[in-house]
Amino acid sequence: MLLARGHHATQWGLQPSARLPARYDVRLLLTRRNAYDVSRAGVATVDVRTLRDRLPRGIPGDLAAIALRDRYLNIDEHLQGVDIVHSEELSLWFSADLARRKRHFGYRLVITVWETIPMLDAYRNAHARRYRRRTLEAADLYLATTERAARALRLEGVPEDRISVAYPGVDVDRFALARDGAPSPEAHVVISPGRLEWQKGHHDVLRAIAAIKRGLIITEGEVAERLRLLIVGNGPEEDRLRRHAAELGIGDAVEIKSVPYEEMPSLYARASAMVLASLPSSACALHPGDIPRCFWEEQFGLVLVEGLAAGLPLIVSDSGAIPEVVGDSADLFAPGDWMGLARRLAEGPLAQPPGTRRDPPPGRVRMFSSEAASERIAEGYERVLELAPREVPTSSL
C-alpha cells in the first residue's frame, strides 16, 4: 500500500494508517517539501522527488509549481508490485498523477475525500478540471470522511457503489488524559485551535472575548477580568490577529503560539472550553482571469474529536460538516456571529467553575478513534482488492 498526500502529509492524519493490521505493508510517498514533520507518525516512508522540489522556496516557487503542474519524478520503481495506492481529493495534482500512472502499473486507486462542496467543472480552474477528470476515470473507491462529503461525491457523478463513508480518527486515549485527573485551572482559558487563516475564524473569537471583557455580555464576579484566550496554530494571519487583539484592548489576555502535536493534551487540560469558529468561503472571490472560486467550508475538524475526548465544552460554528461531527455534543452558533459566540461562552462554560468537564458520549468518541478509523480503511482496502481494477481511458494519459 502506498499513501500519497502530496506535500501535506501530517502526523495526525496518518494515525489510522499507522494502526492498520500487520498484513498491510503501508508506506508513505514523502516529498522533500512536505509541510509537516511526520517522523513520529509510525508509518514507513519512501523519499520521492517532485517538480516542486526543483523550484525555489516561497510564493514564486509555489506559483511556478501550479503553472507547470506539479508531479512526482522517478517514482516508477516504487509503484512496481503495489496493490493499492491511497491518495486524497478529486482535483489535486498528486491524485491525478497517480491516476495517470495506474494504467501502466495496474494497482487499485483509493481516494479519501474531505471536500464537502460539489464544484464539478464549473467552479474549478483549468488544472483542477483536468485533475478531476483523470481521478474520476481511474479511482476504484472513494472513502468520504463525512456523509456530507459523500453527498458531494454523488453530485460529482461518482456511482453509489464506489463510495464508502470512512470517518477519520485520532488517538482519543491520549486526549482523555486532559479529562481524567487534570488539575482545575484557577481562571477560565478558552482555546481556539487551528491554522491561522481567515476561514478558521480566530478573529471572531477575539471579538467575542473582547465583548465579554468590555461588558457587552454580563458575567459573574471576576470572570471577565480574569478570562484568557489561547490561540494555537501558525499561519499567515498571525500578525494581523496580534494587532487585532491589541486594538480590541485584550492583547494582554491573548496568547498565540504553535506547539508540537504531542503537547496538545496538556493545553486542553488547562482550558475551560474549546471554540472552533470556522467561516465558509462560499461568498466567493474572483480568481484573476478565471471563474469565481467557492471552495471551502469546514470539512471535518479533527480538533473537535480531540476536544470531545478531553471532555471540553465545545462552542462551534455550524460551518460545513461540523454539525455532523459533533452531533448534540456541542453548542452551535452561526459563522461570523461573534456576539452569539460570546453569549454561549458566558451562559455555558464561563458560568461554571474553571476547568469544568463534560462527560463525552462514549459511542461518538469511539466512532472517531484511530482504531475505528483504521478498521474502516481496512474494510475499504479489502473491498477494493476483490474488484478488478478499473480501466483508465487512454485519453487521460
Protein backbone atom coordinates (compact mmCIF):
# COMPACT_ATOMS: atom_id res chain seq x y z
CA MET A 1 0.00 0.00 0.00
CA LEU A 2 1.34 3.42 -0.94
CA LEU A 3 -0.06 6.57 0.64
CA ALA A 4 0.10 9.79 -1.36
CA ARG A 5 -0.54 13.15 0.31
CA GLY A 6 1.46 15.48 -1.91
CA HIS A 7 3.34 17.96 0.27
CA HIS A 8 0.80 17.89 3.12
CA ALA A 9 1.14 14.59 4.96
CA THR A 10 0.53 15.17 8.69
CA GLN A 11 1.22 13.18 11.83
CA TRP A 12 -2.41 13.41 12.94
CA GLY A 13 -3.77 12.48 9.53
CA LEU A 14 -1.60 9.35 9.35
CA GLN A 15 -2.64 7.92 12.74
CA PRO A 16 -5.28 5.48 11.37
CA SER A 17 -2.90 4.20 8.68
CA ALA A 18 -0.24 3.58 11.33
CA ARG A 19 -2.71 1.27 13.12
CA LEU A 20 -3.61 -0.88 10.14
CA PRO A 21 -3.16 -4.64 10.64
CA ALA A 22 0.31 -6.03 10.09
CA ARG A 23 -0.79 -7.80 6.90
CA TYR A 24 -0.69 -4.43 5.16
CA ASP A 25 2.73 -3.11 4.18
CA VAL A 26 1.98 0.61 4.25
CA ARG A 27 4.41 3.26 3.03
CA LEU A 28 4.09 7.00 2.53
CA LEU A 29 5.42 8.83 -0.53
CA LEU A 30 7.26 11.60 1.33
CA THR A 31 8.33 14.65 -0.66
CA ARG A 32 11.23 16.92 0.20
CA ARG A 33 8.86 19.87 0.58
CA ASN A 34 6.38 18.20 2.89
CA ALA A 35 4.96 20.94 5.11
CA TYR A 36 4.86 18.91 8.34
CA ASP A 37 7.12 16.67 10.39
CA VAL A 38 5.84 13.09 10.13
CA SER A 39 8.82 11.37 11.72
CA ARG A 40 6.66 10.25 14.67
CA ALA A 41 3.65 9.18 12.65
CA GLY A 42 4.55 5.50 12.78
CA VAL A 43 4.33 5.00 9.01
CA ALA A 44 7.30 3.91 6.89
CA THR A 45 8.27 6.49 4.27
CA VAL A 46 9.64 6.41 0.75
CA ASP A 47 11.59 9.52 -0.17
CA VAL A 48 10.46 10.84 -3.54
CA ARG A 49 11.11 13.94 -5.59
CA THR A 50 8.60 16.23 -7.26
CA LEU A 51 8.75 19.11 -9.69
CA ARG A 52 8.18 21.45 -6.74
CA ASP A 53 11.46 20.25 -5.19
CA ARG A 54 13.37 21.72 -8.13
CA LEU A 55 11.80 25.17 -7.80
CA PRO A 56 12.75 27.98 -5.39
CA ARG A 57 11.10 28.16 -2.00
CA GLY A 58 8.38 30.67 -1.25
CA ILE A 59 5.50 32.11 -3.23
CA PRO A 60 7.35 32.31 -6.61
CA GLY A 61 8.10 28.59 -6.43
CA ASP A 62 4.53 27.78 -5.37
CA LEU A 63 3.10 29.72 -8.30
CA ALA A 64 5.55 28.11 -10.71
CA ALA A 65 4.56 24.64 -9.45
CA ILE A 66 0.91 25.45 -10.13
CA ALA A 67 1.62 26.84 -13.59
CA LEU A 68 3.89 23.94 -14.58
CA ARG A 69 1.67 21.31 -12.93
CA ASP A 70 3.47 19.65 -10.06
CA ARG A 71 4.08 15.90 -10.38
CA TYR A 72 6.12 13.06 -8.98
CA LEU A 73 9.52 12.41 -10.59
CA ASN A 74 11.12 8.99 -11.00
CA ILE A 75 8.70 7.02 -8.81
CA ASP A 76 8.19 4.06 -11.16
CA GLU A 77 10.38 1.78 -9.05
CA HIS A 78 8.13 2.45 -6.04
CA LEU A 79 4.94 1.63 -7.97
CA GLN A 80 6.11 -1.79 -9.13
CA GLY A 81 4.11 -4.55 -7.45
CA VAL A 82 1.92 -2.15 -5.44
CA ASP A 83 -1.63 -3.42 -4.79
CA ILE A 84 -3.26 -0.18 -3.66
CA VAL A 85 -2.37 3.48 -3.96
CA HIS A 86 -4.32 5.60 -1.47
CA SER A 87 -4.47 9.31 -2.31
CA GLU A 88 -6.66 12.29 -1.36
CA GLU A 89 -9.22 14.52 -3.10
CA LEU A 90 -10.60 14.62 -6.62
CA SER A 91 -8.75 17.53 -8.15
CA LEU A 92 -5.27 17.65 -6.64
CA TRP A 93 -2.12 17.11 -8.66
CA PHE A 94 -0.88 14.01 -6.85
CA SER A 95 -4.19 12.14 -7.17
CA ALA A 96 -4.28 12.92 -10.89
CA ASP A 97 -0.64 11.96 -11.37
CA LEU A 98 -1.21 8.55 -9.77
CA ALA A 99 -4.46 8.11 -11.70
CA ARG A 100 -2.47 8.72 -14.89
CA ARG A 101 0.12 6.08 -13.96
CA LYS A 102 -2.44 3.47 -12.92
CA ARG A 103 -2.98 2.05 -16.42
CA HIS A 104 0.66 1.00 -16.65
CA PHE A 105 1.08 -0.46 -13.15
CA GLY A 106 -2.40 -1.93 -12.57
CA TYR A 107 -2.85 -1.02 -8.91
CA ARG A 108 -6.21 -0.16 -7.34
CA LEU A 109 -6.69 3.53 -6.62
CA VAL A 110 -8.44 4.61 -3.40
CA ILE A 111 -9.22 8.30 -2.84
CA THR A 112 -10.02 9.81 0.55
CA VAL A 113 -12.30 12.82 0.04
CA TRP A 114 -12.72 15.60 2.60
CA GLU A 115 -14.24 18.13 0.17
CA THR A 116 -17.87 18.90 1.02
CA ILE A 117 -18.69 21.26 -1.86
CA PRO A 118 -19.59 19.67 -5.23
CA MET A 119 -17.80 22.09 -7.56
CA LEU A 120 -17.71 19.83 -10.64
CA ASP A 121 -16.04 21.65 -13.57
CA ALA A 122 -17.87 24.98 -13.45
CA TYR A 123 -16.21 26.08 -10.19
CA ARG A 124 -12.75 24.64 -10.77
CA ASN A 125 -9.84 26.17 -12.63
CA ALA A 126 -8.40 24.62 -15.77
CA HIS A 127 -5.80 22.47 -14.00
CA ALA A 128 -8.28 21.24 -11.40
CA ARG A 129 -10.77 20.27 -14.12
CA ARG A 130 -8.13 18.14 -15.80
CA TYR A 131 -7.10 16.56 -12.49
CA ARG A 132 -10.73 15.85 -11.59
CA ARG A 133 -11.37 14.09 -14.90
CA ARG A 134 -8.33 11.86 -14.54
CA THR A 135 -9.19 10.90 -10.98
CA LEU A 136 -12.85 10.18 -11.76
CA GLU A 137 -11.83 7.94 -14.67
CA ALA A 138 -9.35 5.89 -12.63
CA ALA A 139 -10.45 5.67 -8.98
CA ASP A 140 -11.82 2.34 -7.76
CA LEU A 141 -13.15 3.51 -4.38
CA TYR A 142 -13.79 6.82 -2.62
CA LEU A 143 -13.55 7.00 1.17
CA ALA A 144 -15.65 10.04 2.12
CA THR A 145 -14.71 11.44 5.53
CA THR A 146 -18.31 12.52 6.23
CA GLU A 147 -21.81 11.92 4.93
CA ARG A 148 -21.68 15.49 3.66
CA ALA A 149 -18.61 14.64 1.57
CA ALA A 150 -20.37 11.52 0.28
CA ARG A 151 -23.32 13.60 -0.90
CA ALA A 152 -20.92 15.95 -2.69
CA LEU A 153 -19.34 12.96 -4.45
CA ARG A 154 -22.75 11.81 -5.68
CA LEU A 155 -23.30 15.22 -7.27
CA GLU A 156 -19.79 14.99 -8.77
CA GLY A 157 -21.08 11.93 -10.63
CA VAL A 158 -19.47 9.13 -8.58
CA PRO A 159 -21.63 5.95 -8.56
CA GLU A 160 -23.01 4.90 -5.19
CA ASP A 161 -21.19 1.56 -5.26
CA ARG A 162 -17.81 3.33 -5.32
CA ILE A 163 -18.47 5.48 -2.22
CA SER A 164 -17.94 4.46 1.39
CA VAL A 165 -18.11 6.76 4.42
CA ALA A 166 -14.93 6.32 6.44
CA TYR A 167 -14.70 8.82 9.29
CA PRO A 168 -11.13 9.74 10.26
CA GLY A 169 -9.92 9.30 13.82
CA VAL A 170 -7.46 10.41 16.48
CA ASP A 171 -5.77 8.80 19.47
CA VAL A 172 -8.67 9.50 21.83
CA ASP A 173 -6.94 7.88 24.82
CA ARG A 174 -4.16 10.44 24.61
CA PHE A 175 -6.63 13.31 24.76
CA ALA A 176 -8.69 11.69 27.53
CA LEU A 177 -5.71 12.42 29.78
CA ALA A 178 -6.83 16.06 29.70
CA ARG A 179 -10.12 14.93 31.27
CA ASP A 180 -9.05 12.32 33.78
CA GLY A 181 -7.25 13.72 36.76
CA ALA A 182 -6.32 17.06 35.23
CA PRO A 183 -5.91 19.80 37.90
CA SER A 184 -8.52 22.55 37.74
CA PRO A 185 -7.14 25.88 36.45
CA GLU A 186 -7.56 28.97 38.60
CA ALA A 187 -9.15 31.06 35.83
CA HIS A 188 -11.02 30.45 32.62
CA VAL A 189 -8.98 29.80 29.48
CA VAL A 190 -10.74 29.49 26.12
CA ILE A 191 -8.73 27.60 23.50
CA SER A 192 -9.12 28.22 19.75
CA PRO A 193 -7.01 25.67 17.82
CA GLY A 194 -6.43 25.71 14.08
CA ARG A 195 -4.24 27.10 11.34
CA LEU A 196 -4.01 30.89 11.49
CA GLU A 197 -6.06 31.64 8.39
CA TRP A 198 -9.09 33.84 7.87
CA GLN A 199 -11.51 30.95 7.37
CA LYS A 200 -10.73 29.48 10.80
CA GLY A 201 -12.46 32.48 12.39
CA HIS A 202 -9.94 33.27 15.12
CA HIS A 203 -10.70 36.97 14.66
CA ASP A 204 -14.32 36.32 15.65
CA VAL A 205 -13.13 34.57 18.81
CA LEU A 206 -11.08 37.68 19.65
CA ARG A 207 -14.19 39.83 19.21
CA ALA A 208 -16.26 37.53 21.42
CA ILE A 209 -13.66 37.67 24.20
CA ALA A 210 -13.48 41.47 23.86
CA ALA A 211 -17.30 41.68 24.08
CA ILE A 212 -17.22 39.76 27.35
CA LYS A 213 -14.35 41.76 28.80
CA ARG A 214 -15.96 45.08 27.87
CA GLY A 215 -19.24 44.16 29.48
CA LEU A 216 -21.33 43.77 26.32
CA ILE A 217 -22.12 40.35 27.80
CA ILE A 218 -22.56 40.21 31.58
CA THR A 219 -20.68 37.56 33.57
CA GLU A 220 -20.46 36.87 37.31
CA GLY A 221 -17.73 38.14 39.61
CA GLU A 222 -14.23 38.43 38.16
CA VAL A 223 -14.81 36.03 35.26
CA ALA A 224 -14.45 38.68 32.56
CA GLU A 225 -11.44 40.31 34.16
CA ARG A 226 -9.50 37.05 34.53
CA LEU A 227 -10.62 35.43 31.28
CA ARG A 228 -7.84 34.47 28.85
CA LEU A 229 -7.76 33.23 25.25
CA LEU A 230 -5.22 30.76 23.86
CA ILE A 231 -4.97 30.54 20.06
CA VAL A 232 -2.94 27.52 18.94
CA GLY A 233 -1.56 27.28 15.42
CA ASN A 234 0.59 29.00 12.84
CA GLY A 235 -0.15 30.63 9.53
CA PRO A 236 -0.32 33.88 7.58
CA GLU A 237 -2.83 35.65 9.85
CA GLU A 238 -0.68 35.64 12.99
CA ASP A 239 0.50 39.26 12.83
CA ARG A 240 -2.97 40.54 11.97
CA LEU A 241 -4.51 38.59 14.85
CA ARG A 242 -1.98 40.06 17.27
CA ARG A 243 -2.74 43.58 16.01
CA HIS A 244 -6.48 42.98 16.27
CA ALA A 245 -6.18 41.71 19.83
CA ALA A 246 -4.20 44.84 20.75
CA GLU A 247 -6.67 47.24 19.15
CA LEU A 248 -9.57 45.46 20.86
CA GLY A 249 -7.80 46.12 24.15
CA ILE A 250 -7.28 42.47 25.04
CA GLY A 251 -3.68 41.94 23.92
CA ASP A 252 -2.56 41.09 27.46
CA ALA A 253 -5.24 38.41 27.74
CA VAL A 254 -4.43 36.63 24.46
CA GLU A 255 -1.66 34.13 23.82
CA ILE A 256 -0.92 32.91 20.28
CA LYS A 257 1.52 30.07 19.82
CA SER A 258 2.29 26.90 17.92
CA VAL A 259 3.23 23.73 19.80
CA PRO A 260 4.19 20.16 18.84
CA TYR A 261 1.18 17.90 18.40
CA GLU A 262 2.21 15.85 21.46
CA GLU A 263 1.66 18.90 23.69
CA MET A 264 -1.98 19.49 22.72
CA PRO A 265 -3.49 17.34 25.52
CA SER A 266 -1.71 19.43 28.16
CA LEU A 267 -3.16 22.61 26.62
CA TYR A 268 -6.65 21.16 26.68
CA ALA A 269 -6.12 20.26 30.34
CA ARG A 270 -5.81 23.93 31.29
CA ALA A 271 -8.80 25.11 29.23
CA SER A 272 -12.45 25.64 30.17
CA ALA A 273 -13.80 25.47 26.61
CA MET A 274 -12.82 24.94 23.00
CA VAL A 275 -14.03 27.23 20.23
CA LEU A 276 -13.96 26.40 16.52
CA ALA A 277 -15.30 29.46 14.72
CA SER A 278 -14.82 28.30 11.12
CA LEU A 279 -16.17 30.52 8.35
CA PRO A 280 -17.31 29.21 4.95
CA SER A 281 -15.58 30.78 1.96
CA SER A 282 -18.67 30.32 -0.19
CA ALA A 283 -19.21 34.06 -0.69
CA CYS A 284 -16.63 33.70 -3.50
CA ALA A 285 -13.66 35.72 -4.62
CA LEU A 286 -12.73 36.44 -8.22
CA HIS A 287 -9.70 34.43 -9.26
CA PRO A 288 -7.76 36.63 -11.71
CA GLY A 289 -8.57 35.66 -15.27
CA ASP A 290 -10.75 32.76 -14.21
CA ILE A 291 -14.01 31.74 -12.57
CA PRO A 292 -15.22 32.54 -9.03
CA ARG A 293 -13.76 30.11 -6.53
CA CYS A 294 -16.21 28.98 -3.84
CA PHE A 295 -14.05 26.31 -2.42
CA TRP A 296 -14.13 25.78 1.35
CA GLU A 297 -16.22 25.17 4.39
CA GLU A 298 -15.14 23.16 7.45
CA GLN A 299 -14.62 19.64 6.16
CA PHE A 300 -14.33 17.83 9.50
CA GLY A 301 -12.27 19.46 12.25
CA LEU A 302 -10.16 16.79 13.96
CA VAL A 303 -9.70 19.13 16.92
CA LEU A 304 -13.41 18.61 17.63
CA VAL A 305 -12.76 14.93 18.35
CA GLU A 306 -9.75 15.84 20.48
CA GLY A 307 -11.90 18.28 22.45
CA LEU A 308 -14.68 15.72 22.90
CA ALA A 309 -12.22 13.13 24.19
CA ALA A 310 -10.75 15.72 26.56
CA GLY A 311 -14.21 16.48 27.97
CA LEU A 312 -14.08 20.13 26.92
CA PRO A 313 -17.30 22.07 26.38
CA LEU A 314 -17.39 22.82 22.65
CA ILE A 315 -18.72 26.11 21.25
CA VAL A 316 -18.56 25.79 17.46
CA SER A 317 -19.90 27.35 14.28
CA ASP A 318 -22.19 25.30 12.06
CA SER A 319 -19.90 25.60 9.02
CA GLY A 320 -19.82 22.59 6.69
CA ALA A 321 -19.51 19.19 8.36
CA ILE A 322 -19.17 20.47 11.95
CA PRO A 323 -22.78 19.62 12.97
CA GLU A 324 -22.35 16.09 11.64
CA VAL A 325 -19.15 15.59 13.64
CA VAL A 326 -20.33 16.98 16.98
CA GLY A 327 -23.97 15.85 16.90
CA ASP A 328 -25.67 17.11 20.07
CA SER A 329 -22.35 17.28 21.97
CA ALA A 330 -21.65 20.97 21.30
CA ASP A 331 -23.29 24.38 21.29
CA LEU A 332 -23.58 25.79 17.77
CA PHE A 333 -23.60 29.38 16.54
CA ALA A 334 -23.86 30.90 13.07
CA PRO A 335 -20.49 31.53 11.37
CA GLY A 336 -19.41 35.11 11.97
CA ASP A 337 -21.85 35.67 14.87
CA TRP A 338 -19.27 36.70 17.45
CA MET A 339 -21.93 38.11 19.79
CA GLY A 340 -23.73 34.76 19.68
CA LEU A 341 -20.42 33.07 20.48
CA ALA A 342 -19.86 35.46 23.40
CA ARG A 343 -23.33 34.69 24.82
CA ARG A 344 -22.82 30.93 24.55
CA LEU A 345 -19.49 31.20 26.32
CA ALA A 346 -20.91 33.38 29.09
CA GLU A 347 -24.01 31.26 29.64
CA GLY A 348 -22.19 27.94 29.34
CA PRO A 349 -18.61 27.17 30.38
CA LEU A 350 -17.87 30.61 31.86
CA ALA A 351 -20.84 30.20 34.23
CA GLN A 352 -19.19 27.07 35.66
CA PRO A 353 -16.01 26.75 37.74
CA PRO A 354 -12.84 26.94 35.61
CA GLY A 355 -11.89 23.65 34.01
CA THR A 356 -15.33 22.04 34.40
CA ARG A 357 -15.50 18.96 32.18
CA ARG A 358 -18.32 17.29 30.31
CA ASP A 359 -18.67 13.53 30.07
CA PRO A 360 -18.23 12.86 26.35
CA PRO A 361 -20.68 10.49 24.63
CA PRO A 362 -18.65 7.26 24.59
CA GLY A 363 -20.17 5.98 21.34
CA ARG A 364 -19.24 9.13 19.45
CA VAL A 365 -15.72 9.19 20.87
CA ARG A 366 -15.15 5.54 19.95
CA MET A 367 -16.51 6.15 16.45
CA PHE A 368 -13.82 8.76 15.88
CA SER A 369 -10.94 6.81 17.43
CA SER A 370 -7.93 5.98 15.30
CA GLU A 371 -8.64 2.27 15.88
CA ALA A 372 -12.16 2.56 14.45
CA ALA A 373 -10.86 4.68 11.57
CA SER A 374 -8.24 2.02 10.80
CA GLU A 375 -10.95 -0.63 10.67
CA ARG A 376 -12.92 1.45 8.17
CA ILE A 377 -9.85 1.93 5.97
CA ALA A 378 -9.07 -1.81 6.13
CA GLU A 379 -12.66 -2.63 5.13
CA GLY A 380 -12.27 -0.32 2.15
CA TYR A 381 -8.99 -1.98 1.16
CA GLU A 382 -10.50 -5.45 1.37
CA ARG A 383 -13.46 -4.33 -0.67
CA VAL A 384 -11.36 -2.83 -3.43
CA LEU A 385 -8.96 -5.77 -3.57
CA GLU A 386 -11.90 -8.01 -4.50
CA LEU A 387 -12.61 -5.85 -7.54
CA ALA A 388 -10.86 -5.88 -10.86
CA PRO A 389 -9.02 -2.56 -11.30
CA ARG A 390 -10.98 -0.07 -13.38
CA GLU A 391 -9.52 0.60 -16.79
CA VAL A 392 -8.06 4.07 -17.32
CA PRO A 393 -9.02 5.51 -20.74
CA THR A 394 -6.04 6.15 -22.97
CA SER A 395 -7.26 9.74 -23.43
CA SER A 396 -6.35 10.58 -19.84
CA LEU A 397 -2.68 9.56 -20.14
